[in-house]
Amino acid sequence: MNISKTKFMVISKNKVDNIDITVAGQKVERVRNYKYLGTWLNDTWSSDQEIRSRIEIARSTFTKMKKVLCNCRLKIPLRIRLLHCYIWPILLYGCEAWTIKEDLKKRIEAFEMWTFRRMLAISWTLKVSNEEVLRRVNQRRELLHTIKIRKVAYLGHVLRHERYELLQLIMMGKVAGRRGVGRREKSWLRNIREWTGIASAAELFRLAKDRQEFTKLTANLR
């Protein structure tokens, strides 16, 4: 074990400060967040940092490709296809595991409109509405809808396959004890329940095991 490259992280609802890990007399560094397989993980278990990071990586890639994506000599449909091929996958990497809060939803939609405005060379000082921008590129908002489809489809995929027994236990199980004081934070599963309009988690799990019915539900997401 290389101690200089080894870190540890504590995930707890309560503040924990008095934990130290020592290996062969050397203290292992405790971190609040780290990147694992290209994804940011943190001790609050939120998706905020990862989503912001994905947006900025996608924005940087768009800027590097702006000579093509913003080339007015290329037709808009072709540039849109290039956008979907090279930029969207960067942003959507690992989106099945995200928990989408309202502020993150706005960030994703804002980035989508930012790409269209750059492609059309529309400055913010021109005060062109988002609806007009979408009309000019002949597109609808797609990013958030794609995330919804992938998340809901992933739930069905996990619940229908026996090899995901641990994930099924995490999704369907309950943690013993009382919930902490304060407003309940939005959860991964609550996202799906809101998007599908199914308030009961038990009903959602039952439906997810029926491939045909769940496929229809996924196709009708808004």
Protein backbone atom coordinates (compact mmCIF):
# COMPACT_ATOMS: atom_id res chain seq x y z
CA MET A 1 0.00 0.00 0.00
CA ASN A 2 1.32 3.43 -0.98
CA ILE A 3 0.32 5.63 1.95
CA SER A 4 1.02 8.87 0.05
CA LYS A 5 -1.60 7.86 -2.54
CA THR A 6 -4.11 6.43 -0.06
CA LYS A 7 -6.95 8.54 1.32
CA PHE A 8 -10.05 7.82 3.35
CA MET A 9 -13.43 9.50 3.62
CA VAL A 10 -16.13 9.35 6.31
CA ILE A 11 -19.77 9.46 5.23
CA SER A 12 -22.12 10.18 8.12
CA LYS A 13 -25.22 12.25 8.87
CA ASN A 14 -23.48 13.39 12.05
CA LYS A 15 -20.30 15.43 12.22
CA VAL A 16 -17.35 13.12 12.86
CA ASP A 17 -13.96 14.71 13.60
CA ASN A 18 -12.14 12.26 15.85
CA ILE A 19 -11.28 9.51 13.36
CA ASP A 20 -7.67 8.78 12.44
CA ILE A 21 -6.29 5.84 10.48
CA THR A 22 -2.63 4.86 10.79
CA VAL A 23 -0.84 2.24 8.70
CA ALA A 24 2.72 1.19 9.60
CA GLY A 25 3.08 4.30 11.72
CA GLN A 26 1.98 6.64 8.92
CA LYS A 27 -1.23 8.63 9.13
CA VAL A 28 -3.66 8.23 6.21
CA GLU A 29 -5.05 11.52 4.94
CA ARG A 30 -8.76 12.13 5.36
CA VAL A 31 -10.50 13.90 2.46
CA ARG A 32 -13.94 15.44 1.96
CA ASN A 33 -14.11 14.53 -1.73
CA TYR A 34 -12.14 12.62 -4.36
CA LYS A 35 -12.42 11.53 -7.97
CA TYR A 36 -12.98 7.84 -8.61
CA LEU A 37 -13.18 6.46 -12.17
CA GLY A 38 -13.77 9.96 -13.51
CA THR A 39 -16.57 10.79 -11.05
CA TRP A 40 -16.43 13.13 -8.07
CA LEU A 41 -17.55 11.57 -4.77
CA ASN A 42 -17.96 13.54 -1.54
CA ASP A 43 -18.82 12.92 2.10
CA THR A 44 -22.25 14.55 1.77
CA TRP A 45 -23.09 12.08 -1.04
CA SER A 46 -24.57 14.84 -3.19
CA SER A 47 -24.33 15.18 -6.97
CA ASP A 48 -23.73 18.94 -6.99
CA GLN A 49 -19.95 18.85 -7.44
CA GLU A 50 -20.08 16.12 -10.08
CA ILE A 51 -22.74 17.86 -12.18
CA ARG A 52 -20.94 21.21 -12.05
CA SER A 53 -17.71 19.48 -13.02
CA ARG A 54 -19.37 17.69 -15.95
CA ILE A 55 -20.86 20.96 -17.20
CA GLU A 56 -17.50 22.71 -17.12
CA ILE A 57 -15.72 19.83 -18.88
CA ALA A 58 -18.39 19.84 -21.59
CA ARG A 59 -18.13 23.63 -21.86
CA SER A 60 -14.35 23.40 -22.25
CA THR A 61 -14.71 20.75 -24.97
CA PHE A 62 -17.27 22.89 -26.80
CA THR A 63 -14.85 25.84 -26.73
CA LYS A 64 -12.07 23.67 -28.18
CA MET A 65 -14.41 22.61 -30.99
CA LYS A 66 -15.95 26.02 -31.62
CA LYS A 67 -14.26 26.36 -35.04
CA VAL A 68 -16.50 23.51 -36.17
CA LEU A 69 -19.57 23.91 -33.95
CA CYS A 70 -19.79 27.66 -34.55
CA ASN A 71 -18.85 27.55 -38.24
CA CYS A 72 -21.64 29.34 -40.08
CA ARG A 73 -20.63 27.64 -43.33
CA LEU A 74 -21.90 24.35 -41.90
CA LYS A 75 -25.64 23.79 -41.73
CA ILE A 76 -27.29 23.91 -38.32
CA PRO A 77 -28.58 20.28 -38.45
CA LEU A 78 -25.04 19.01 -39.02
CA ARG A 79 -23.65 21.08 -36.16
CA ILE A 80 -26.44 19.86 -33.87
CA ARG A 81 -25.51 16.28 -34.71
CA LEU A 82 -21.87 17.02 -33.86
CA LEU A 83 -23.02 18.59 -30.59
CA HIS A 84 -24.98 15.45 -29.70
CA CYS A 85 -22.05 13.25 -30.66
CA TYR A 86 -19.14 15.04 -28.97
CA ILE A 87 -20.51 17.30 -26.22
CA TRP A 88 -23.63 15.66 -24.78
CA PRO A 89 -21.89 12.34 -23.88
CA ILE A 90 -19.29 14.26 -21.85
CA LEU A 91 -21.97 15.98 -19.80
CA LEU A 92 -24.16 12.88 -19.41
CA TYR A 93 -21.40 10.55 -18.21
CA GLY A 94 -22.73 8.77 -15.11
CA CYS A 95 -25.99 10.77 -15.08
CA GLU A 96 -27.94 7.63 -14.04
CA ALA A 97 -26.57 8.13 -10.51
CA TRP A 98 -27.32 11.85 -10.20
CA THR A 99 -29.86 13.40 -7.87
CA ILE A 100 -31.28 16.42 -9.67
CA LYS A 101 -32.22 19.38 -7.51
CA GLU A 102 -33.95 22.48 -8.81
CA ASP A 103 -30.79 24.60 -8.98
CA LEU A 104 -28.91 21.82 -10.81
CA LYS A 105 -31.80 21.47 -13.25
CA LYS A 106 -31.46 25.17 -14.08
CA ARG A 107 -27.69 24.81 -14.56
CA ILE A 108 -28.14 21.95 -17.02
CA GLU A 109 -30.81 23.81 -19.00
CA ALA A 110 -28.71 26.99 -18.97
CA PHE A 111 -25.72 25.11 -20.40
CA GLU A 112 -27.88 23.65 -23.15
CA MET A 113 -29.09 27.11 -24.17
CA TRP A 114 -25.52 28.45 -23.91
CA THR A 115 -24.38 25.97 -26.59
CA PHE A 116 -27.20 26.93 -28.96
CA ARG A 117 -26.55 30.65 -28.51
CA ARG A 118 -22.84 30.17 -29.22
CA MET A 119 -23.62 28.18 -32.34
CA LEU A 120 -25.87 30.98 -33.59
CA ALA A 121 -23.47 33.72 -32.45
CA ILE A 122 -26.22 35.35 -30.35
CA SER A 123 -24.86 37.72 -27.73
CA TRP A 124 -26.71 38.06 -24.42
CA THR A 125 -26.94 41.80 -25.10
CA LEU A 126 -29.32 41.10 -28.01
CA LYS A 127 -31.96 39.89 -25.55
CA VAL A 128 -33.17 37.01 -27.71
CA SER A 129 -35.52 34.71 -25.79
CA ASN A 130 -34.79 31.03 -25.27
CA GLU A 131 -37.92 30.13 -27.20
CA GLU A 132 -36.66 32.07 -30.22
CA VAL A 133 -33.24 30.40 -29.99
CA LEU A 134 -34.87 26.96 -29.94
CA ARG A 135 -36.99 27.92 -32.92
CA ARG A 136 -33.93 28.97 -34.92
CA VAL A 137 -32.12 25.69 -34.29
CA ASN A 138 -35.37 23.71 -34.65
CA GLN A 139 -34.77 21.90 -31.36
CA ARG A 140 -36.44 21.24 -28.03
CA ARG A 141 -34.74 21.08 -24.64
CA GLU A 142 -33.26 17.59 -24.56
CA LEU A 143 -30.58 17.28 -21.89
CA LEU A 144 -32.82 17.07 -18.84
CA HIS A 145 -35.25 14.78 -20.66
CA THR A 146 -32.39 12.44 -21.58
CA ILE A 147 -31.27 12.32 -17.94
CA LYS A 148 -34.81 11.41 -16.86
CA ILE A 149 -35.03 8.58 -19.40
CA ARG A 150 -31.64 7.17 -18.43
CA LYS A 151 -32.35 7.28 -14.70
CA VAL A 152 -35.78 5.67 -14.96
CA ALA A 153 -34.51 3.01 -17.40
CA TYR A 154 -31.61 2.27 -15.04
CA LEU A 155 -34.02 1.65 -12.16
CA GLY A 156 -35.90 -0.92 -14.23
CA HIS A 157 -32.65 -2.52 -15.39
CA VAL A 158 -31.40 -2.98 -11.81
CA LEU A 159 -34.68 -4.36 -10.43
CA ARG A 160 -35.11 -6.89 -13.24
CA HIS A 161 -31.69 -8.55 -12.93
CA GLU A 162 -30.73 -10.85 -10.06
CA ARG A 163 -27.03 -10.00 -10.27
CA TYR A 164 -27.82 -6.54 -8.86
CA GLU A 165 -29.05 -7.95 -5.55
CA LEU A 166 -27.02 -5.48 -3.48
CA LEU A 167 -28.29 -2.49 -5.46
CA GLN A 168 -31.84 -3.79 -5.09
CA LEU A 169 -31.36 -4.00 -1.35
CA ILE A 170 -30.07 -0.41 -1.26
CA MET A 171 -32.96 0.90 -3.37
CA MET A 172 -35.76 -1.04 -1.70
CA GLY A 173 -34.45 -1.31 1.85
CA LYS A 174 -35.03 1.01 4.77
CA VAL A 175 -32.53 2.38 7.28
CA ALA A 176 -33.46 1.75 10.90
CA GLY A 177 -33.89 4.72 13.21
CA ARG A 178 -35.59 8.08 13.12
CA ARG A 179 -35.14 10.67 10.44
CA GLY A 180 -33.20 13.75 11.46
CA VAL A 181 -34.82 17.09 12.20
CA GLY A 182 -35.39 19.42 9.28
CA ARG A 183 -36.61 19.31 5.73
CA ARG A 184 -36.01 16.05 3.91
CA GLU A 185 -33.44 16.36 1.14
CA LYS A 186 -34.36 15.32 -2.38
CA SER A 187 -33.27 11.76 -3.03
CA TRP A 188 -32.38 9.77 -6.16
CA LEU A 189 -35.57 7.74 -5.91
CA ARG A 190 -37.73 10.77 -5.20
CA ASN A 191 -36.57 12.24 -8.53
CA ILE A 192 -37.97 9.20 -10.33
CA ARG A 193 -41.22 9.19 -8.37
CA GLU A 194 -41.82 12.83 -9.27
CA TRP A 195 -40.98 12.34 -12.95
CA THR A 196 -43.16 9.25 -13.34
CA GLY A 197 -46.02 10.58 -11.21
CA ILE A 198 -46.00 7.41 -9.07
CA ALA A 199 -46.07 8.44 -5.42
CA SER A 200 -45.76 4.94 -3.98
CA ALA A 201 -42.27 3.45 -4.04
CA ALA A 202 -43.75 -0.06 -3.75
CA GLU A 203 -45.91 0.53 -6.83
CA LEU A 204 -42.92 1.92 -8.73
CA PHE A 205 -40.80 -1.14 -7.88
CA ARG A 206 -43.63 -3.49 -8.91
CA LEU A 207 -44.06 -1.70 -12.23
CA ALA A 208 -40.30 -1.60 -12.88
CA LYS A 209 -40.18 -5.40 -12.95
CA ASP A 210 -42.59 -5.46 -15.89
CA ARG A 211 -40.36 -4.60 -18.86
CA GLN A 212 -43.13 -3.72 -21.32
CA GLU A 213 -45.12 -1.53 -18.93
CA PHE A 214 -42.03 0.22 -17.66
CA THR A 215 -40.83 0.88 -21.21
CA LYS A 216 -44.16 2.62 -21.92
CA LEU A 217 -43.78 4.66 -18.74
CA THR A 218 -40.25 5.72 -19.71
CA ALA A 219 -41.35 6.69 -23.23
CA ASN A 220 -44.07 8.98 -21.84
CA LEU A 221 -41.80 10.98 -19.54
CA ARG A 222 -41.98 14.75 -19.90
